[in-house]
């Protein structure tokens, strides 16, 4: 089924918050999950870590990564 209409020209920006990346073992397609604070990130990493590969990506504020893997880069 094809999507109708014109494709977006501007990439969607990430919301402010803390991001982790989840991958199923043996898979190449990651899923990004956002949490409001670091305590929630730690809880999510513990919860998903049992069955998935979890990577901390960092904190996003004002369209930039403040820490983590992409520190100092823009989100889009």
PDB file of N, CA and C in Angstrom:
ATOM      1  N   UNK A   1       0.838  -1.170   0.000  1.00  0.00           N
ATOM      2  CA  UNK A   1       0.000   0.000   0.000  1.00  0.00           C
ATOM      3  C   UNK A   1       0.890   1.242   0.000  1.00  0.00           C
ATOM      4  N   UNK A   2       0.728   2.089  -0.985  1.00  0.00           N
ATOM      5  CA  UNK A   2       1.534   3.300  -1.097  1.00  0.00           C
ATOM      6  C   UNK A   2       0.902   4.440  -0.329  1.00  0.00           C
ATOM      7  N   UNK A   3       1.747   5.307   0.180  1.00  0.00           N
ATOM      8  CA  UNK A   3       1.257   6.513   0.842  1.00  0.00           C
ATOM      9  C   UNK A   3       0.997   7.579  -0.193  1.00  0.00           C
ATOM     10  N   UNK A   4      -0.083   8.277  -0.032  1.00  0.00           N
ATOM     11  CA  UNK A   4      -0.413   9.338  -0.973  1.00  0.00           C
ATOM     12  C   UNK A   4       0.060  10.675  -0.427  1.00  0.00           C
ATOM     13  N   UNK A   5       0.262  11.594  -1.334  1.00  0.00           N
ATOM     14  CA  UNK A   5       0.649  12.933  -0.920  1.00  0.00           C
ATOM     15  C   UNK A   5       2.129  13.182  -1.084  1.00  0.00           C
ATOM     16  N   UNK A   6       2.487  14.380  -0.812  1.00  0.00           N
ATOM     17  CA  UNK A   6       3.861  14.821  -0.952  1.00  0.00           C
ATOM     18  C   UNK A   6       4.669  14.438   0.287  1.00  0.00           C
ATOM     19  N   UNK A   7       5.874  13.917   0.116  1.00  0.00           N
ATOM     20  CA  UNK A   7       6.692  13.557   1.275  1.00  0.00           C
ATOM     21  C   UNK A   7       7.204  14.798   2.009  1.00  0.00           C
ATOM     22  N   UNK A   8       7.477  14.643   3.276  1.00  0.00           N
ATOM     23  CA  UNK A   8       7.981  15.752   4.083  1.00  0.00           C
ATOM     24  C   UNK A   8       9.367  16.167   3.601  1.00  0.00           C
ATOM     25  N   UNK A   9       9.619  17.472   3.603  1.00  0.00           N
ATOM     26  CA  UNK A   9      10.933  17.964   3.196  1.00  0.00           C
ATOM     27  C   UNK A   9      11.805  18.257   4.407  1.00  0.00           C
ATOM     28  N   UNK A  10      11.180  18.451   5.557  1.00  0.00           N
ATOM     29  CA  UNK A  10      11.907  18.764   6.782  1.00  0.00           C
ATOM     30  C   UNK A  10      11.829  17.567   7.722  1.00  0.00           C
ATOM     31  N   UNK A  11      12.959  17.177   8.256  1.00  0.00           N
ATOM     32  CA  UNK A  11      13.007  16.049   9.159  1.00  0.00           C
ATOM     33  C   UNK A  11      12.408  16.432  10.509  1.00  0.00           C
ATOM     34  N   UNK A  12      11.683  15.516  11.133  1.00  0.00           N
ATOM     35  CA  UNK A  12      11.062  15.787  12.422  1.00  0.00           C
ATOM     36  C   UNK A  12      12.143  15.943  13.502  1.00  0.00           C
ATOM     37  N   UNK A  13      11.971  16.922  14.386  1.00  0.00           N
ATOM     38  CA  UNK A  13      12.935  17.146  15.470  1.00  0.00           C
ATOM     39  C   UNK A  13      12.568  16.302  16.681  1.00  0.00           C
ATOM     40  N   UNK A  14      13.566  15.972  17.465  1.00  0.00           N
ATOM     41  CA  UNK A  14      13.332  15.193  18.677  1.00  0.00           C
ATOM     42  C   UNK A  14      12.872  16.109  19.802  1.00  0.00           C
ATOM     43  N   UNK A  15      11.979  15.599  20.640  1.00  0.00           N
ATOM     44  CA  UNK A  15      11.532  16.354  21.809  1.00  0.00           C
ATOM     45  C   UNK A  15      12.646  16.378  22.847  1.00  0.00           C
ATOM     46  N   UNK A  16      12.559  17.332  23.766  1.00  0.00           N
ATOM     47  CA  UNK A  16      13.539  17.404  24.846  1.00  0.00           C
ATOM     48  C   UNK A  16      13.335  16.236  25.791  1.00  0.00           C
ATOM     49  N   UNK A  17      14.432  15.649  26.237  1.00  0.00           N
ATOM     50  CA  UNK A  17      14.364  14.528  27.159  1.00  0.00           C
ATOM     51  C   UNK A  17      15.587  13.642  27.019  1.00  0.00           C
ATOM     52  N   UNK A  18      15.526  12.487  27.632  1.00  0.00           N
ATOM     53  CA  UNK A  18      16.611  11.518  27.631  1.00  0.00           C
ATOM     54  C   UNK A  18      16.232  10.369  26.699  1.00  0.00           C
ATOM     55  N   UNK A  19      17.172   9.938  25.859  1.00  0.00           N
ATOM     56  CA  UNK A  19      16.873   8.923  24.858  1.00  0.00           C
ATOM     57  C   UNK A  19      17.727   7.677  25.043  1.00  0.00           C
ATOM     58  N   UNK A  20      17.080   6.514  24.838  1.00  0.00           N
ATOM     59  CA  UNK A  20      17.784   5.238  24.777  1.00  0.00           C
ATOM     60  C   UNK A  20      17.388   4.554  23.480  1.00  0.00           C
ATOM     61  N   UNK A  21      18.240   3.650  23.026  1.00  0.00           N
ATOM     62  CA  UNK A  21      17.992   2.917  21.793  1.00  0.00           C
ATOM     63  C   UNK A  21      17.872   1.438  22.131  1.00  0.00           C
ATOM     64  N   UNK A  22      16.836   0.792  21.619  1.00  0.00           N
ATOM     65  CA  UNK A  22      16.599  -0.631  21.860  1.00  0.00           C
ATOM     66  C   UNK A  22      16.745  -1.409  20.569  1.00  0.00           C
ATOM     67  N   UNK A  23      17.425  -2.537  20.658  1.00  0.00           N
ATOM     68  CA  UNK A  23      17.541  -3.457  19.523  1.00  0.00           C
ATOM     69  C   UNK A  23      17.252  -4.865  20.025  1.00  0.00           C
ATOM     70  N   UNK A  24      16.534  -5.616  19.219  1.00  0.00           N
ATOM     71  CA  UNK A  24      16.349  -7.023  19.522  1.00  0.00           C
ATOM     72  C   UNK A  24      17.628  -7.735  19.116  1.00  0.00           C
ATOM     73  N   UNK A  25      18.057  -8.707  19.896  1.00  0.00           N
ATOM     74  CA  UNK A  25      19.297  -9.414  19.590  1.00  0.00           C
ATOM     75  C   UNK A  25      19.205 -10.050  18.206  1.00  0.00           C
ATOM     76  N   UNK A  26      20.182  -9.748  17.354  1.00  0.00           N
ATOM     77  CA  UNK A  26      20.195 -10.269  15.996  1.00  0.00           C
ATOM     78  C   UNK A  26      19.491  -9.381  14.990  1.00  0.00           C
ATOM     79  N   UNK A  27      18.977  -8.226  15.419  1.00  0.00           N
ATOM     80  CA  UNK A  27      18.256  -7.320  14.534  1.00  0.00           C
ATOM     81  C   UNK A  27      19.083  -6.067  14.271  1.00  0.00           C
ATOM     82  N   UNK A  28      18.823  -5.420  13.142  1.00  0.00           N
ATOM     83  CA  UNK A  28      19.541  -4.194  12.802  1.00  0.00           C
ATOM     84  C   UNK A  28      18.682  -2.950  12.944  1.00  0.00           C
ATOM     85  N   UNK A  29      17.391  -3.104  13.183  1.00  0.00           N
ATOM     86  CA  UNK A  29      16.501  -1.941  13.247  1.00  0.00           C
ATOM     87  C   UNK A  29      16.279  -1.511  14.697  1.00  0.00           C
ATOM     88  N   UNK A  30      16.819  -0.329  15.078  1.00  0.00           N
ATOM     89  CA  UNK A  30      16.650   0.144  16.452  1.00  0.00           C
ATOM     90  C   UNK A  30      15.356   0.921  16.650  1.00  0.00           C
ATOM     91  N   UNK A  31      14.954   1.049  17.913  1.00  0.00           N
ATOM     92  CA  UNK A  31      13.808   1.852  18.310  1.00  0.00           C
ATOM     93  C   UNK A  31      14.302   2.845  19.355  1.00  0.00           C
ATOM     94  N   UNK A  32      13.985   4.147  19.170  1.00  0.00           N
ATOM     95  CA  UNK A  32      14.372   5.166  20.149  1.00  0.00           C
ATOM     96  C   UNK A  32      13.226   5.366  21.122  1.00  0.00           C
ATOM     97  N   UNK A  33      13.565   5.442  22.399  1.00  0.00           N
ATOM     98  CA  UNK A  33      12.581   5.688  23.452  1.00  0.00           C
ATOM     99  C   UNK A  33      13.016   6.911  24.245  1.00  0.00           C
ATOM    100  N   UNK A  34      12.049   7.801  24.514  1.00  0.00           N
ATOM    101  CA  UNK A  34      12.337   9.030  25.261  1.00  0.00           C
ATOM    102  C   UNK A  34      11.752   8.917  26.664  1.00  0.00           C
ATOM    103  N   UNK A  35      12.505   9.407  27.634  1.00  0.00           N
ATOM    104  CA  UNK A  35      12.038   9.474  29.014  1.00  0.00           C
ATOM    105  C   UNK A  35      12.284  10.884  29.543  1.00  0.00           C
ATOM    106  N   UNK A  36      11.531  11.275  30.557  1.00  0.00           N
ATOM    107  CA  UNK A  36      11.586  12.633  31.102  1.00  0.00           C
ATOM    108  C   UNK A  36      12.814  12.896  31.971  1.00  0.00           C
ATOM    109  N   UNK A  37      13.244  11.893  32.745  1.00  0.00           N
ATOM    110  CA  UNK A  37      14.389  12.119  33.629  1.00  0.00           C
ATOM    111  C   UNK A  37      15.285  10.892  33.676  1.00  0.00           C
ATOM    112  N   UNK A  38      16.448  11.049  34.277  1.00  0.00           N
ATOM    113  CA  UNK A  38      17.453   9.986  34.287  1.00  0.00           C
ATOM    114  C   UNK A  38      17.017   8.776  35.105  1.00  0.00           C
ATOM    115  N   UNK A  39      16.217   9.002  36.155  1.00  0.00           N
ATOM    116  CA  UNK A  39      15.731   7.878  36.963  1.00  0.00           C
ATOM    117  C   UNK A  39      14.854   6.948  36.122  1.00  0.00           C
ATOM    118  N   UNK A  40      14.019   7.530  35.269  1.00  0.00           N
ATOM    119  CA  UNK A  40      13.169   6.724  34.385  1.00  0.00           C
ATOM    120  C   UNK A  40      14.006   5.986  33.343  1.00  0.00           C
ATOM    121  N   UNK A  41      15.099   6.618  32.888  1.00  0.00           N
ATOM    122  CA  UNK A  41      15.992   5.970  31.925  1.00  0.00           C
ATOM    123  C   UNK A  41      16.652   4.755  32.561  1.00  0.00           C
ATOM    124  N   UNK A  42      17.141   4.907  33.790  1.00  0.00           N
ATOM    125  CA  UNK A  42      17.774   3.790  34.488  1.00  0.00           C
ATOM    126  C   UNK A  42      16.795   2.629  34.674  1.00  0.00           C
ATOM    127  N   UNK A  43      15.560   2.944  35.028  1.00  0.00           N
ATOM    128  CA  UNK A  43      14.542   1.917  35.204  1.00  0.00           C
ATOM    129  C   UNK A  43      14.246   1.210  33.883  1.00  0.00           C
ATOM    130  N   UNK A  44      14.124   1.975  32.789  1.00  0.00           N
ATOM    131  CA  UNK A  44      13.844   1.396  31.475  1.00  0.00           C
ATOM    132  C   UNK A  44      15.013   0.533  30.999  1.00  0.00           C
ATOM    133  N   UNK A  45      16.241   0.991  31.241  1.00  0.00           N
ATOM    134  CA  UNK A  45      17.413   0.215  30.827  1.00  0.00           C
ATOM    135  C   UNK A  45      17.472  -1.114  31.565  1.00  0.00           C
ATOM    136  N   UNK A  46      17.116  -1.096  32.834  1.00  0.00           N
ATOM    137  CA  UNK A  46      17.080  -2.335  33.619  1.00  0.00           C
ATOM    138  C   UNK A  46      15.976  -3.263  33.117  1.00  0.00           C
ATOM    139  N   UNK A  47      14.818  -2.687  32.827  1.00  0.00           N
ATOM    140  CA  UNK A  47      13.669  -3.470  32.385  1.00  0.00           C
ATOM    141  C   UNK A  47      13.905  -4.101  31.004  1.00  0.00           C
ATOM    142  N   UNK A  48      14.351  -3.307  30.032  1.00  0.00           N
ATOM    143  CA  UNK A  48      14.543  -3.810  28.675  1.00  0.00           C
ATOM    144  C   UNK A  48      15.847  -4.577  28.511  1.00  0.00           C
ATOM    145  N   UNK A  49      16.797  -4.370  29.409  1.00  0.00           N
ATOM    146  CA  UNK A  49      18.107  -5.007  29.304  1.00  0.00           C
ATOM    147  C   UNK A  49      18.073  -6.515  29.403  1.00  0.00           C
ATOM    148  N   UNK A  50      17.026  -7.061  29.954  1.00  0.00           N
ATOM    149  CA  UNK A  50      16.922  -8.515  30.092  1.00  0.00           C
ATOM    150  C   UNK A  50      16.728  -9.210  28.746  1.00  0.00           C
ATOM    151  N   UNK A  51      16.023  -8.543  27.815  1.00  0.00           N
ATOM    152  CA  UNK A  51      15.690  -9.204  26.550  1.00  0.00           C
ATOM    153  C   UNK A  51      16.211  -8.474  25.313  1.00  0.00           C
ATOM    154  N   UNK A  52      16.734  -7.247  25.463  1.00  0.00           N
ATOM    155  CA  UNK A  52      17.160  -6.467  24.311  1.00  0.00           C
ATOM    156  C   UNK A  52      18.541  -5.855  24.546  1.00  0.00           C
ATOM    157  N   UNK A  53      19.131  -5.370  23.470  1.00  0.00           N
ATOM    158  CA  UNK A  53      20.389  -4.631  23.556  1.00  0.00           C
ATOM    159  C   UNK A  53      20.022  -3.162  23.746  1.00  0.00           C
ATOM    160  N   UNK A  54      20.462  -2.569  24.863  1.00  0.00           N
ATOM    161  CA  UNK A  54      20.081  -1.197  25.210  1.00  0.00           C
ATOM    162  C   UNK A  54      21.309  -0.290  25.141  1.00  0.00           C
ATOM    163  N   UNK A  55      21.162   0.868  24.462  1.00  0.00           N
ATOM    164  CA  UNK A  55      22.237   1.845  24.345  1.00  0.00           C
ATOM    165  C   UNK A  55      21.707   3.208  24.775  1.00  0.00           C
ATOM    166  N   UNK A  56      22.450   3.890  25.651  1.00  0.00           N
ATOM    167  CA  UNK A  56      22.069   5.234  26.070  1.00  0.00           C
ATOM    168  C   UNK A  56      22.557   6.217  25.014  1.00  0.00           C
ATOM    169  N   UNK A  57      21.642   6.979  24.417  1.00  0.00           N
ATOM    170  CA  UNK A  57      22.001   7.931  23.365  1.00  0.00           C
ATOM    171  C   UNK A  57      22.338   9.308  23.918  1.00  0.00           C
ATOM    172  N   UNK A  58      21.645   9.747  24.973  1.00  0.00           N
ATOM    173  CA  UNK A  58      21.954  11.036  25.568  1.00  0.00           C
ATOM    174  C   UNK A  58      20.729  11.884  25.830  1.00  0.00           C
ATOM    175  N   UNK A  59      20.985  13.115  26.281  1.00  0.00           N
ATOM    176  CA  UNK A  59      19.923  14.064  26.592  1.00  0.00           C
ATOM    177  C   UNK A  59      19.829  15.095  25.473  1.00  0.00           C
ATOM    178  N   UNK A  60      18.587  15.413  25.064  1.00  0.00           N
ATOM    179  CA  UNK A  60      18.339  16.418  24.031  1.00  0.00           C
ATOM    180  C   UNK A  60      17.715  17.644  24.684  1.00  0.00           C
ATOM    181  N   UNK A  61      18.295  18.819  24.384  1.00  0.00           N
ATOM    182  CA  UNK A  61      17.738  20.077  24.870  1.00  0.00           C
ATOM    183  C   UNK A  61      18.007  21.141  23.814  1.00  0.00           C
ATOM    184  N   UNK A  62      16.976  21.892  23.446  1.00  0.00           N
ATOM    185  CA  UNK A  62      17.062  22.947  22.428  1.00  0.00           C
ATOM    186  C   UNK A  62      17.614  22.433  21.101  1.00  0.00           C
ATOM    187  N   UNK A  63      17.252  21.211  20.717  1.00  0.00           N
ATOM    188  CA  UNK A  63      17.667  20.667  19.424  1.00  0.00           C
ATOM    189  C   UNK A  63      19.095  20.175  19.355  1.00  0.00           C
ATOM    190  N   UNK A  64      19.785  20.036  20.499  1.00  0.00           N
ATOM    191  CA  UNK A  64      21.164  19.546  20.533  1.00  0.00           C
ATOM    192  C   UNK A  64      21.307  18.439  21.569  1.00  0.00           C
ATOM    193  N   UNK A  65      22.251  17.535  21.309  1.00  0.00           N
ATOM    194  CA  UNK A  65      22.578  16.478  22.264  1.00  0.00           C
ATOM    195  C   UNK A  65      23.526  17.066  23.305  1.00  0.00           C
ATOM    196  N   UNK A  66      23.187  16.922  24.584  1.00  0.00           N
ATOM    197  CA  UNK A  66      24.039  17.458  25.653  1.00  0.00           C
ATOM    198  C   UNK A  66      25.084  16.464  26.125  1.00  0.00           C
ATOM    199  N   UNK A  67      24.780  15.180  26.047  1.00  0.00           N
ATOM    200  CA  UNK A  67      25.735  14.161  26.475  1.00  0.00           C
ATOM    201  C   UNK A  67      25.485  12.886  25.692  1.00  0.00           C
ATOM    202  N   UNK A  68      26.242  11.859  26.024  1.00  0.00           N
ATOM    203  CA  UNK A  68      26.051  10.566  25.386  1.00  0.00           C
ATOM    204  C   UNK A  68      26.825  10.422  24.083  1.00  0.00           C
ATOM    205  N   UNK A  69      26.348   9.530  23.254  1.00  0.00           N
ATOM    206  CA  UNK A  69      27.015   9.128  22.019  1.00  0.00           C
ATOM    207  C   UNK A  69      27.140  10.279  21.006  1.00  0.00           C
ATOM    208  N   UNK A  70      26.147  11.155  20.929  1.00  0.00           N
ATOM    209  CA  UNK A  70      26.114  12.217  19.928  1.00  0.00           C
ATOM    210  C   UNK A  70      26.381  13.601  20.507  1.00  0.00           C
ATOM    211  N   UNK A  71      27.134  13.712  21.578  1.00  0.00           N
ATOM    212  CA  UNK A  71      27.344  14.968  22.299  1.00  0.00           C
ATOM    213  C   UNK A  71      27.780  16.108  21.378  1.00  0.00           C
ATOM    214  N   UNK A  72      27.063  17.252  21.473  1.00  0.00           N
ATOM    215  CA  UNK A  72      27.402  18.441  20.726  1.00  0.00           C
ATOM    216  C   UNK A  72      26.792  18.533  19.336  1.00  0.00           C
ATOM    217  N   UNK A  73      26.183  17.478  18.841  1.00  0.00           N
ATOM    218  CA  UNK A  73      25.604  17.484  17.503  1.00  0.00           C
ATOM    219  C   UNK A  73      24.156  17.928  17.538  1.00  0.00           C
ATOM    220  N   UNK A  74      23.642  18.391  16.405  1.00  0.00           N
ATOM    221  CA  UNK A  74      22.228  18.736  16.279  1.00  0.00           C
ATOM    222  C   UNK A  74      21.418  17.453  16.118  1.00  0.00           C
ATOM    223  N   UNK A  75      20.144  17.522  16.487  1.00  0.00           N
ATOM    224  CA  UNK A  75      19.314  16.319  16.416  1.00  0.00           C
ATOM    225  C   UNK A  75      18.833  16.003  15.016  1.00  0.00           C
ATOM    226  N   UNK A  76      18.617  17.007  14.193  1.00  0.00           N
ATOM    227  CA  UNK A  76      18.062  16.754  12.856  1.00  0.00           C
ATOM    228  C   UNK A  76      19.123  16.668  11.802  1.00  0.00           C
TER     229      UNK A  76
END
